[in-house]
Amino acid sequence: MQRIDEVVVHPLVLLSIVDHYNRVAKDSNKRVVGILLGELYRGRLDISNSFAVPFEEEPKDSKVWFIDHNYLEDMFWMYKRINAKEKIIGWYSTGTEIKGPDINIHEFLKRFCPNPIFVVIDVTSSESLELPAQAYFSREQVTEDGSVDKHFVHLPTILGSSEAEEVGVEHLLRDVKDVAATSLAT
């Protein structure tokens, strides 16, 4: 595995995840899960795209969860036709912290990516100036009793964009501001 020095989350990814959350889990205790696409080059992992995946978990038993892997495979092959450079690099979950079953979901996703990263996206933080995304990779350690302990290790995470993305975000923010001003005037 190539070393990852920093994880760069692009604006399209954040917007897509917030949209996914608003469509599926807003006003509930549910979280949403999806796949991250991008590429790793010289220690910089660029997360440039993502897609939602049908996901359910049992509220009373966190060990019981379901990801539609057929849907995941079909969506990835459709994305691959559009941009062959983008590969599955990991997965995301909404929330404020890592949850109990996340290490098991992470292990499951190793079928599609040998060393996935996991990004937790806080879709509810509106007042904070901190990046609402935290990236992790998994590490295995053998304990004194010989069992294997799997846990997440934090990675430096930043927001980054290309010039074209910056222009798009500026237009989006201007349009949102215009809509807010128009609704206030009427």
Protein backbone atom coordinates (compact mmCIF):
# COMPACT_ATOMS: atom_id res chain seq x y z
CA MET A 1 0.00 0.00 0.00
CA GLN A 2 1.28 3.43 -0.94
CA ARG A 3 1.57 5.78 2.03
CA ILE A 4 -1.19 8.38 2.42
CA ASP A 5 0.06 11.73 3.74
CA GLU A 6 -3.17 13.66 3.29
CA VAL A 7 -6.73 13.16 2.15
CA VAL A 8 -8.24 15.86 -0.05
CA VAL A 9 -12.05 15.99 -0.15
CA HIS A 10 -13.47 17.86 -3.15
CA PRO A 11 -16.62 20.03 -2.88
CA LEU A 12 -18.67 17.81 -5.21
CA VAL A 13 -18.24 14.96 -2.75
CA LEU A 14 -19.47 17.00 0.22
CA LEU A 15 -22.46 18.31 -1.77
CA SER A 16 -23.33 14.81 -2.97
CA ILE A 17 -23.19 13.36 0.54
CA VAL A 18 -25.32 16.14 2.03
CA ASP A 19 -27.85 15.61 -0.77
CA HIS A 20 -27.85 11.85 -0.09
CA TYR A 21 -28.46 12.48 3.62
CA ASN A 22 -31.25 15.01 2.96
CA ARG A 23 -33.04 12.62 0.61
CA VAL A 24 -32.77 9.51 2.79
CA ALA A 25 -32.20 10.24 6.46
CA LYS A 26 -33.05 13.85 7.30
CA ASP A 27 -35.17 14.18 10.46
CA SER A 28 -34.31 10.64 11.55
CA ASN A 29 -31.61 8.87 13.54
CA LYS A 30 -30.45 7.00 10.46
CA ARG A 31 -27.14 7.51 8.73
CA VAL A 32 -26.28 7.09 5.10
CA VAL A 33 -23.37 5.21 3.57
CA GLY A 34 -21.75 5.47 0.17
CA ILE A 35 -18.65 4.84 -1.90
CA LEU A 36 -15.76 7.26 -2.46
CA LEU A 37 -13.99 7.48 -5.80
CA GLY A 38 -10.69 9.09 -6.62
CA GLU A 39 -7.00 8.44 -6.98
CA LEU A 40 -3.80 8.29 -4.97
CA TYR A 41 -0.73 10.07 -6.29
CA ARG A 42 2.48 10.69 -4.34
CA GLY A 43 0.86 10.40 -0.93
CA ARG A 44 -2.09 12.63 -1.78
CA LEU A 45 -5.45 10.87 -1.88
CA ASP A 46 -7.93 12.95 -3.89
CA ILE A 47 -11.58 12.08 -3.26
CA SER A 48 -13.16 13.54 -6.36
CA ASN A 49 -16.49 11.73 -6.59
CA SER A 50 -18.90 9.54 -4.65
CA PHE A 51 -22.14 7.67 -4.96
CA ALA A 52 -24.82 6.56 -2.53
CA VAL A 53 -25.32 2.89 -1.71
CA PRO A 54 -28.48 1.33 -0.25
CA PHE A 55 -27.66 0.71 3.40
CA GLU A 56 -29.68 -0.43 6.39
CA GLU A 57 -28.72 -1.25 9.95
CA GLU A 58 -30.72 -2.73 12.77
CA PRO A 59 -31.31 0.00 15.39
CA LYS A 60 -31.39 -2.50 18.26
CA ASP A 61 -28.37 -4.54 17.16
CA SER A 62 -25.53 -2.62 15.52
CA LYS A 63 -23.91 -5.87 14.37
CA VAL A 64 -26.73 -6.36 11.87
CA TRP A 65 -26.33 -4.24 8.72
CA PHE A 66 -26.84 -4.53 4.98
CA ILE A 67 -25.09 -2.97 1.98
CA ASP A 68 -26.41 -3.75 -1.48
CA HIS A 69 -23.18 -4.99 -3.08
CA ASN A 70 -24.85 -5.70 -6.45
CA TYR A 71 -25.92 -2.07 -6.66
CA LEU A 72 -22.42 -0.99 -5.61
CA GLU A 73 -20.80 -3.03 -8.40
CA ASP A 74 -23.25 -1.81 -11.05
CA MET A 75 -22.78 1.84 -10.09
CA PHE A 76 -19.01 1.55 -10.04
CA TRP A 77 -18.92 0.09 -13.56
CA MET A 78 -21.15 2.92 -14.81
CA TYR A 79 -18.83 5.50 -13.22
CA LYS A 80 -15.81 3.68 -14.63
CA ARG A 81 -17.18 4.18 -18.18
CA ILE A 82 -17.26 7.93 -17.59
CA ASN A 83 -13.90 8.34 -15.85
CA ALA A 84 -11.52 5.39 -15.99
CA LYS A 85 -8.99 7.14 -13.71
CA GLU A 86 -11.34 7.13 -10.73
CA LYS A 87 -11.16 4.02 -8.59
CA ILE A 88 -12.96 2.94 -5.46
CA ILE A 89 -10.79 4.31 -2.69
CA GLY A 90 -13.08 3.87 0.29
CA TRP A 91 -16.44 4.68 1.77
CA TYR A 92 -18.26 7.32 3.78
CA SER A 93 -20.79 7.45 6.55
CA THR A 94 -22.67 10.42 7.95
CA GLY A 95 -22.47 11.17 11.64
CA THR A 96 -20.15 12.73 14.14
CA GLU A 97 -18.08 9.72 15.12
CA ILE A 98 -17.02 6.17 14.28
CA LYS A 99 -19.67 3.61 15.23
CA GLY A 100 -19.31 0.02 16.44
CA PRO A 101 -20.03 -1.84 13.19
CA ASP A 102 -17.87 0.49 11.06
CA ILE A 103 -14.79 -1.73 11.28
CA ASN A 104 -16.87 -4.68 9.99
CA ILE A 105 -18.29 -2.58 7.14
CA HIS A 106 -14.72 -1.49 6.40
CA GLU A 107 -13.57 -5.12 6.21
CA PHE A 108 -16.47 -5.93 3.87
CA LEU A 109 -15.40 -3.12 1.52
CA LYS A 110 -11.95 -4.65 1.16
CA ARG A 111 -13.61 -6.83 -1.50
CA PHE A 112 -13.74 -3.76 -3.74
CA CYS A 113 -10.61 -1.91 -2.61
CA PRO A 114 -7.69 -3.61 -0.84
CA ASN A 115 -6.91 -0.65 1.47
CA PRO A 116 -10.03 1.49 1.74
CA ILE A 117 -10.23 4.72 3.65
CA PHE A 118 -13.22 5.65 5.74
CA VAL A 119 -14.54 9.21 5.89
CA VAL A 120 -17.03 10.34 8.53
CA ILE A 121 -19.06 13.32 7.32
CA ASP A 122 -20.85 15.50 9.86
CA VAL A 123 -23.82 16.82 7.86
CA THR A 124 -25.30 18.62 10.85
CA SER A 125 -22.43 20.99 11.67
CA SER A 126 -23.50 24.34 10.29
CA GLU A 127 -21.90 26.84 12.65
CA SER A 128 -18.44 25.30 12.90
CA LEU A 129 -15.65 26.47 10.62
CA GLU A 130 -13.96 23.07 10.82
CA LEU A 131 -14.02 20.70 7.87
CA PRO A 132 -17.00 18.40 8.41
CA ALA A 133 -15.01 15.38 7.17
CA GLN A 134 -12.52 13.18 8.99
CA ALA A 135 -10.65 10.38 7.21
CA TYR A 136 -9.34 7.13 8.66
CA PHE A 137 -7.57 3.96 7.58
CA SER A 138 -7.65 0.65 9.43
CA ARG A 139 -4.74 -0.94 11.21
CA GLU A 140 -4.42 -4.44 12.56
CA GLN A 141 -2.38 -5.24 15.65
CA VAL A 142 -1.75 -8.56 17.30
CA THR A 143 -2.46 -8.35 21.01
CA GLU A 144 -0.56 -10.14 23.77
CA ASP A 145 -3.09 -12.98 23.81
CA GLY A 146 -2.58 -13.55 20.05
CA SER A 147 -5.88 -12.10 18.87
CA VAL A 148 -6.03 -9.48 16.13
CA ASP A 149 -7.27 -6.02 17.11
CA LYS A 150 -8.59 -3.87 14.23
CA HIS A 151 -9.01 -0.14 14.74
CA PHE A 152 -9.11 3.13 12.81
CA VAL A 153 -6.22 5.60 12.58
CA HIS A 154 -6.90 9.26 11.74
CA LEU A 155 -5.50 10.81 8.53
CA PRO A 156 -4.96 14.55 7.90
CA THR A 157 -8.00 15.75 5.92
CA ILE A 158 -8.38 18.97 3.92
CA LEU A 159 -10.85 20.49 1.48
CA GLY A 160 -9.41 20.99 -1.98
CA SER A 161 -10.67 21.84 -5.43
CA SER A 162 -9.58 22.46 -8.96
CA GLU A 163 -10.10 25.86 -10.57
CA ALA A 164 -13.20 24.60 -12.39
CA GLU A 165 -14.68 23.33 -9.12
CA GLU A 166 -14.03 26.68 -7.44
CA VAL A 167 -15.93 28.49 -10.19
CA GLY A 168 -18.82 26.03 -9.87
CA VAL A 169 -19.01 26.42 -6.10
CA GLU A 170 -18.91 30.22 -6.41
CA HIS A 171 -21.85 30.10 -8.85
CA LEU A 172 -23.74 27.70 -6.60
CA LEU A 173 -23.22 29.94 -3.57
CA ARG A 174 -24.28 33.01 -5.57
CA ASP A 175 -27.44 31.21 -6.73
CA VAL A 176 -28.26 30.14 -3.16
CA LYS A 177 -27.76 33.73 -1.99
CA ASP A 178 -29.99 35.04 -4.83
CA VAL A 179 -32.76 32.55 -3.96
CA ALA A 180 -32.58 33.54 -0.26
CA ALA A 181 -32.77 37.24 -1.14
CA THR A 182 -35.71 36.67 -3.50
CA SER A 183 -37.68 34.66 -0.93
CA LEU A 184 -37.13 37.36 1.69
CA ALA A 185 -38.43 40.06 -0.67
CA THR A 186 -41.70 38.26 -1.43
